[in-house]
PDB file of N, CA and C in Angstrom:
ATOM      1  N   UNK A   1     -37.712 198.858-118.328  1.00  0.00           N
ATOM      2  CA  UNK A   1     -37.972 197.462-118.096  1.00  0.00           C
ATOM      3  C   UNK A   1     -36.766 196.525-118.637  1.00  0.00           C
ATOM      4  N   UNK A   2     -36.771 195.389-118.046  1.00  0.00           N
ATOM      5  CA  UNK A   2     -35.813 194.512-118.255  1.00  0.00           C
ATOM      6  C   UNK A   2     -36.371 193.811-119.461  1.00  0.00           C
ATOM      7  N   UNK A   3     -35.543 193.093-119.629  1.00  0.00           N
ATOM      8  CA  UNK A   3     -35.513 192.395-121.378  1.00  0.00           C
ATOM      9  C   UNK A   3     -36.505 191.186-120.950  1.00  0.00           C
ATOM     10  N   UNK A   4     -36.331 190.584-119.892  1.00  0.00           N
ATOM     11  CA  UNK A   4     -37.238 189.475-120.058  1.00  0.00           C
ATOM     12  C   UNK A   4     -38.600 190.071-119.880  1.00  0.00           C
ATOM     13  N   UNK A   5     -39.080 191.191-118.800  1.00  0.00           N
ATOM     14  CA  UNK A   5     -40.731 191.587-119.204  1.00  0.00           C
ATOM     15  C   UNK A   5     -40.210 192.326-120.320  1.00  0.00           C
ATOM     16  N   UNK A   6     -40.257 192.633-121.283  1.00  0.00           N
ATOM     17  CA  UNK A   6     -40.439 193.007-122.565  1.00  0.00           C
ATOM     18  C   UNK A   6     -40.897 191.269-123.698  1.00  0.00           C
ATOM     19  N   UNK A   7     -39.911 190.894-123.521  1.00  0.00           N
ATOM     20  CA  UNK A   7     -40.321 189.219-123.944  1.00  0.00           C
ATOM     21  C   UNK A   7     -41.577 188.904-123.788  1.00  0.00           C
ATOM     22  N   UNK A   8     -42.017 188.858-122.152  1.00  0.00           N
ATOM     23  CA  UNK A   8     -43.196 188.884-121.786  1.00  0.00           C
ATOM     24  C   UNK A   8     -44.568 189.308-122.395  1.00  0.00           C
ATOM     25  N   UNK A   9     -44.302 190.291-122.301  1.00  0.00           N
ATOM     26  CA  UNK A   9     -45.081 191.329-123.191  1.00  0.00           C
ATOM     27  C   UNK A   9     -45.569 191.061-124.231  1.00  0.00           C
ATOM     28  N   UNK A  10     -44.595 190.860-125.225  1.00  0.00           N
ATOM     29  CA  UNK A  10     -44.777 190.365-126.649  1.00  0.00           C
ATOM     30  C   UNK A  10     -45.204 189.372-126.725  1.00  0.00           C
ATOM     31  N   UNK A  11     -44.831 188.122-125.959  1.00  0.00           N
ATOM     32  CA  UNK A  11     -45.703 186.633-126.017  1.00  0.00           C
ATOM     33  C   UNK A  11     -47.242 187.132-125.482  1.00  0.00           C
ATOM     34  N   UNK A  12     -47.415 188.205-124.580  1.00  0.00           N
ATOM     35  CA  UNK A  12     -48.927 187.808-124.006  1.00  0.00           C
ATOM     36  C   UNK A  12     -49.273 188.268-125.645  1.00  0.00           C
ATOM     37  N   UNK A  13     -49.352 189.261-125.595  1.00  0.00           N
ATOM     38  CA  UNK A  13     -49.740 189.729-127.026  1.00  0.00           C
ATOM     39  C   UNK A  13     -49.588 188.769-128.077  1.00  0.00           C
ATOM     40  N   UNK A  14     -48.707 188.316-128.382  1.00  0.00           N
ATOM     41  CA  UNK A  14     -48.913 187.180-129.419  1.00  0.00           C
ATOM     42  C   UNK A  14     -49.797 185.698-128.724  1.00  0.00           C
ATOM     43  N   UNK A  15     -49.892 185.370-128.302  1.00  0.00           N
ATOM     44  CA  UNK A  15     -50.750 184.721-127.510  1.00  0.00           C
ATOM     45  C   UNK A  15     -52.404 185.289-127.628  1.00  0.00           C
ATOM     46  N   UNK A  16     -52.615 186.750-127.645  1.00  0.00           N
ATOM     47  CA  UNK A  16     -53.986 187.146-127.779  1.00  0.00           C
ATOM     48  C   UNK A  16     -53.840 187.039-129.299  1.00  0.00           C
ATOM     49  N   UNK A  17     -53.011 187.638-130.185  1.00  0.00           N
ATOM     50  CA  UNK A  17     -53.517 187.541-131.654  1.00  0.00           C
ATOM     51  C   UNK A  17     -53.486 185.953-132.021  1.00  0.00           C
ATOM     52  N   UNK A  18     -52.739 185.065-131.755  1.00  0.00           N
ATOM     53  CA  UNK A  18     -53.236 183.788-131.968  1.00  0.00           C
ATOM     54  C   UNK A  18     -54.632 183.349-131.192  1.00  0.00           C
ATOM     55  N   UNK A  19     -54.883 183.640-130.192  1.00  0.00           N
ATOM     56  CA  UNK A  19     -56.414 183.330-129.682  1.00  0.00           C
ATOM     57  C   UNK A  19     -57.622 183.864-130.917  1.00  0.00           C
ATOM     58  N   UNK A  20     -56.974 185.279-131.192  1.00  0.00           N
ATOM     59  CA  UNK A  20     -58.024 185.632-132.264  1.00  0.00           C
ATOM     60  C   UNK A  20     -57.965 185.124-133.986  1.00  0.00           C
ATOM     61  N   UNK A  21     -56.534 184.700-134.220  1.00  0.00           N
ATOM     62  CA  UNK A  21     -56.684 184.339-135.601  1.00  0.00           C
ATOM     63  C   UNK A  21     -57.282 182.376-135.624  1.00  0.00           C
ATOM     64  N   UNK A  22     -57.046 181.931-134.480  1.00  0.00           N
ATOM     65  CA  UNK A  22     -57.171 180.401-134.798  1.00  0.00           C
ATOM     66  C   UNK A  22     -58.583 180.148-133.909  1.00  0.00           C
ATOM     67  N   UNK A  23     -59.822 181.425-133.351  1.00  0.00           N
ATOM     68  CA  UNK A  23     -60.781 181.135-132.373  1.00  0.00           C
ATOM     69  C   UNK A  23     -62.119 180.885-133.974  1.00  0.00           C
ATOM     70  N   UNK A  24     -62.986 180.428-133.313  1.00  0.00           N
ATOM     71  CA  UNK A  24     -64.179 180.108-134.688  1.00  0.00           C
ATOM     72  C   UNK A  24     -64.975 181.263-135.475  1.00  0.00           C
ATOM     73  N   UNK A  25     -65.102 182.508-134.828  1.00  0.00           N
ATOM     74  CA  UNK A  25     -65.367 183.276-135.810  1.00  0.00           C
ATOM     75  C   UNK A  25     -64.839 183.963-136.572  1.00  0.00           C
ATOM     76  N   UNK A  26     -63.674 184.149-136.237  1.00  0.00           N
ATOM     77  CA  UNK A  26     -62.311 184.282-137.732  1.00  0.00           C
ATOM     78  C   UNK A  26     -61.841 183.794-138.568  1.00  0.00           C
ATOM     79  N   UNK A  27     -61.928 182.186-138.169  1.00  0.00           N
ATOM     80  CA  UNK A  27     -61.812 180.776-139.085  1.00  0.00           C
ATOM     81  C   UNK A  27     -62.519 180.604-139.870  1.00  0.00           C
ATOM     82  N   UNK A  28     -64.210 180.744-139.609  1.00  0.00           N
ATOM     83  CA  UNK A  28     -64.950 180.505-140.439  1.00  0.00           C
ATOM     84  C   UNK A  28     -65.339 181.501-141.135  1.00  0.00           C
ATOM     85  N   UNK A  29     -64.433 182.760-141.409  1.00  0.00           N
ATOM     86  CA  UNK A  29     -64.380 183.441-142.742  1.00  0.00           C
ATOM     87  C   UNK A  29     -64.069 182.837-144.249  1.00  0.00           C
ATOM     88  N   UNK A  30     -62.725 181.978-143.078  1.00  0.00           N
ATOM     89  CA  UNK A  30     -62.215 181.014-144.556  1.00  0.00           C
ATOM     90  C   UNK A  30     -62.590 180.117-145.026  1.00  0.00           C
ATOM     91  N   UNK A  31     -63.865 179.690-144.354  1.00  0.00           N
ATOM     92  CA  UNK A  31     -64.301 178.159-144.874  1.00  0.00           C
ATOM     93  C   UNK A  31     -65.436 178.514-145.737  1.00  0.00           C
ATOM     94  N   UNK A  32     -65.066 178.601-147.249  1.00  0.00           N
ATOM     95  CA  UNK A  32     -65.655 178.802-148.668  1.00  0.00           C
ATOM     96  C   UNK A  32     -65.181 178.100-149.475  1.00  0.00           C
ATOM     97  N   UNK A  33     -65.690 177.364-150.621  1.00  0.00           N
ATOM     98  CA  UNK A  33     -65.696 176.395-151.896  1.00  0.00           C
ATOM     99  C   UNK A  33     -64.613 177.234-152.500  1.00  0.00           C
ATOM    100  N   UNK A  34     -63.472 177.734-152.026  1.00  0.00           N
ATOM    101  CA  UNK A  34     -62.380 178.221-152.693  1.00  0.00           C
ATOM    102  C   UNK A  34     -61.164 177.864-152.749  1.00  0.00           C
ATOM    103  N   UNK A  35     -60.028 177.127-153.756  1.00  0.00           N
ATOM    104  CA  UNK A  35     -58.996 176.290-153.851  1.00  0.00           C
ATOM    105  C   UNK A  35     -57.837 177.553-153.860  1.00  0.00           C
ATOM    106  N   UNK A  36     -56.665 177.065-153.257  1.00  0.00           N
ATOM    107  CA  UNK A  36     -55.158 178.056-153.325  1.00  0.00           C
ATOM    108  C   UNK A  36     -54.374 177.215-153.461  1.00  0.00           C
ATOM    109  N   UNK A  37     -54.088 176.817-154.660  1.00  0.00           N
ATOM    110  CA  UNK A  37     -53.149 176.090-154.894  1.00  0.00           C
ATOM    111  C   UNK A  37     -53.460 174.504-154.730  1.00  0.00           C
ATOM    112  N   UNK A  38     -54.318 174.141-155.381  1.00  0.00           N
ATOM    113  CA  UNK A  38     -55.353 172.507-154.997  1.00  0.00           C
ATOM    114  C   UNK A  38     -56.118 172.809-153.480  1.00  0.00           C
ATOM    115  N   UNK A  39     -56.018 173.143-152.647  1.00  0.00           N
ATOM    116  CA  UNK A  39     -55.899 173.370-151.364  1.00  0.00           C
ATOM    117  C   UNK A  39     -57.069 174.012-150.922  1.00  0.00           C
ATOM    118  N   UNK A  40     -58.058 173.656-150.384  1.00  0.00           N
ATOM    119  CA  UNK A  40     -59.310 174.414-150.044  1.00  0.00           C
ATOM    120  C   UNK A  40     -58.791 175.696-149.021  1.00  0.00           C
ATOM    121  N   UNK A  41     -59.574 177.085-149.029  1.00  0.00           N
ATOM    122  CA  UNK A  41     -58.737 178.192-148.279  1.00  0.00           C
ATOM    123  C   UNK A  41     -58.572 178.228-146.694  1.00  0.00           C
ATOM    124  N   UNK A  42     -59.721 177.304-146.598  1.00  0.00           N
ATOM    125  CA  UNK A  42     -59.592 177.320-144.961  1.00  0.00           C
ATOM    126  C   UNK A  42     -57.763 176.212-144.650  1.00  0.00           C
ATOM    127  N   UNK A  43     -57.777 175.164-145.541  1.00  0.00           N
ATOM    128  CA  UNK A  43     -56.805 175.040-144.439  1.00  0.00           C
ATOM    129  C   UNK A  43     -55.264 175.508-145.189  1.00  0.00           C
ATOM    130  N   UNK A  44     -55.651 176.062-146.316  1.00  0.00           N
ATOM    131  CA  UNK A  44     -54.438 177.145-146.859  1.00  0.00           C
ATOM    132  C   UNK A  44     -54.355 178.461-145.728  1.00  0.00           C
ATOM    133  N   UNK A  45     -55.609 179.038-145.212  1.00  0.00           N
ATOM    134  CA  UNK A  45     -55.330 179.813-144.421  1.00  0.00           C
ATOM    135  C   UNK A  45     -54.603 178.895-142.731  1.00  0.00           C
ATOM    136  N   UNK A  46     -55.233 178.231-142.310  1.00  0.00           N
ATOM    137  CA  UNK A  46     -54.937 177.677-141.480  1.00  0.00           C
ATOM    138  C   UNK A  46     -53.246 177.319-141.147  1.00  0.00           C
ATOM    139  N   UNK A  47     -52.866 176.659-142.312  1.00  0.00           N
ATOM    140  CA  UNK A  47     -51.050 176.398-142.549  1.00  0.00           C
ATOM    141  C   UNK A  47     -50.690 177.863-142.538  1.00  0.00           C
ATOM    142  N   UNK A  48     -50.896 178.608-143.301  1.00  0.00           N
ATOM    143  CA  UNK A  48     -50.159 179.775-143.584  1.00  0.00           C
ATOM    144  C   UNK A  48     -50.158 180.836-142.072  1.00  0.00           C
ATOM    145  N   UNK A  49     -51.205 180.911-141.258  1.00  0.00           N
ATOM    146  CA  UNK A  49     -51.182 181.814-139.946  1.00  0.00           C
ATOM    147  C   UNK A  49     -50.232 180.511-139.099  1.00  0.00           C
ATOM    148  N   UNK A  50     -50.315 179.629-139.206  1.00  0.00           N
ATOM    149  CA  UNK A  50     -49.563 179.048-138.082  1.00  0.00           C
ATOM    150  C   UNK A  50     -48.231 179.064-138.685  1.00  0.00           C
ATOM    151  N   UNK A  51     -47.992 179.083-139.633  1.00  0.00           N
ATOM    152  CA  UNK A  51     -46.370 178.855-140.037  1.00  0.00           C
ATOM    153  C   UNK A  51     -46.197 180.842-139.660  1.00  0.00           C
ATOM    154  N   UNK A  52     -46.720 181.852-139.935  1.00  0.00           N
ATOM    155  CA  UNK A  52     -46.609 183.025-139.466  1.00  0.00           C
ATOM    156  C   UNK A  52     -46.273 183.180-138.070  1.00  0.00           C
ATOM    157  N   UNK A  53     -47.290 182.615-137.543  1.00  0.00           N
ATOM    158  CA  UNK A  53     -47.170 182.618-135.667  1.00  0.00           C
ATOM    159  C   UNK A  53     -45.679 181.907-135.261  1.00  0.00           C
ATOM    160  N   UNK A  54     -45.263 180.715-135.818  1.00  0.00           N
ATOM    161  CA  UNK A  54     -44.269 180.150-135.173  1.00  0.00           C
ATOM    162  C   UNK A  54     -43.171 181.169-135.704  1.00  0.00           C
ATOM    163  N   UNK A  55     -43.097 181.783-136.961  1.00  0.00           N
ATOM    164  CA  UNK A  55     -41.766 182.855-137.385  1.00  0.00           C
ATOM    165  C   UNK A  55     -41.755 183.643-136.323  1.00  0.00           C
ATOM    166  N   UNK A  56     -43.157 184.780-135.982  1.00  0.00           N
ATOM    167  CA  UNK A  56     -43.093 185.843-134.919  1.00  0.00           C
ATOM    168  C   UNK A  56     -42.966 185.249-133.554  1.00  0.00           C
ATOM    169  N   UNK A  57     -42.677 183.939-133.213  1.00  0.00           N
ATOM    170  CA  UNK A  57     -42.362 183.316-131.984  1.00  0.00           C
ATOM    171  C   UNK A  57     -40.817 183.251-131.727  1.00  0.00           C
ATOM    172  N   UNK A  58     -40.501 182.687-132.826  1.00  0.00           N
ATOM    173  CA  UNK A  58     -39.199 182.509-133.140  1.00  0.00           C
ATOM    174  C   UNK A  58     -38.227 184.218-132.988  1.00  0.00           C
ATOM    175  N   UNK A  59     -38.856 184.946-133.863  1.00  0.00           N
ATOM    176  CA  UNK A  59     -38.599 186.269-133.763  1.00  0.00           C
ATOM    177  C   UNK A  59     -38.542 187.163-132.418  1.00  0.00           C
ATOM    178  N   UNK A  60     -39.343 186.762-131.313  1.00  0.00           N
ATOM    179  CA  UNK A  60     -39.812 187.472-130.401  1.00  0.00           C
ATOM    180  C   UNK A  60     -38.880 186.908-129.112  1.00  0.00           C
ATOM    181  N   UNK A  61     -38.243 185.636-129.632  1.00  0.00           N
ATOM    182  CA  UNK A  61     -37.845 184.869-128.363  1.00  0.00           C
ATOM    183  C   UNK A  61     -36.063 185.223-128.651  1.00  0.00           C
ATOM    184  N   UNK A  62     -35.833 185.318-129.442  1.00  0.00           N
ATOM    185  CA  UNK A  62     -34.444 185.705-130.219  1.00  0.00           C
ATOM    186  C   UNK A  62     -34.021 187.174-130.584  1.00  0.00           C
ATOM    187  N   UNK A  63     -34.774 187.720-130.452  1.00  0.00           N
ATOM    188  CA  UNK A  63     -34.493 189.336-130.466  1.00  0.00           C
ATOM    189  C   UNK A  63     -34.165 189.885-129.318  1.00  0.00           C
ATOM    190  N   UNK A  64     -32.999 190.963-129.705  1.00  0.00           N
ATOM    191  CA  UNK A  64     -31.830 191.792-128.745  1.00  0.00           C
ATOM    192  C   UNK A  64     -32.643 193.139-128.856  1.00  0.00           C
ATOM    193  N   UNK A  65     -32.536 193.577-127.555  1.00  0.00           N
ATOM    194  CA  UNK A  65     -32.912 194.816-127.518  1.00  0.00           C
ATOM    195  C   UNK A  65     -31.884 195.732-127.616  1.00  0.00           C
ATOM    196  N   UNK A  66     -32.649 197.369-128.119  1.00  0.00           N
ATOM    197  CA  UNK A  66     -31.496 197.870-129.047  1.00  0.00           C
ATOM    198  C   UNK A  66     -30.173 198.522-128.119  1.00  0.00           C
ATOM    199  N   UNK A  67     -29.479 198.587-128.365  1.00  0.00           N
ATOM    200  CA  UNK A  67     -28.324 198.902-128.112  1.00  0.00           C
ATOM    201  C   UNK A  67     -27.182 197.747-127.733  1.00  0.00           C
ATOM    202  N   UNK A  68     -28.030 196.334-127.647  1.00  0.00           N
ATOM    203  CA  UNK A  68     -27.151 195.265-127.125  1.00  0.00           C
ATOM    204  C   UNK A  68     -26.701 194.641-128.454  1.00  0.00           C
ATOM    205  N   UNK A  69     -25.138 193.675-128.660  1.00  0.00           N
ATOM    206  CA  UNK A  69     -24.937 193.566-129.751  1.00  0.00           C
ATOM    207  C   UNK A  69     -24.708 191.784-129.996  1.00  0.00           C
TER     208      UNK A  69
END
């Protein structure tokens, strides 16, 4: 497999993960009257999931295949 096809497959998987993380049924699980560091749980979840999602995108885009330096 070429490097581009591996990256494309990982990005498609990441898209599906993002679809799951930010879709209504899953997001509604965090819509509770609970506060995390002074922020509602829903806002804390959305911010944290978004930040992790961006970090995963960067790691996938800038990853090098094994054996390449």
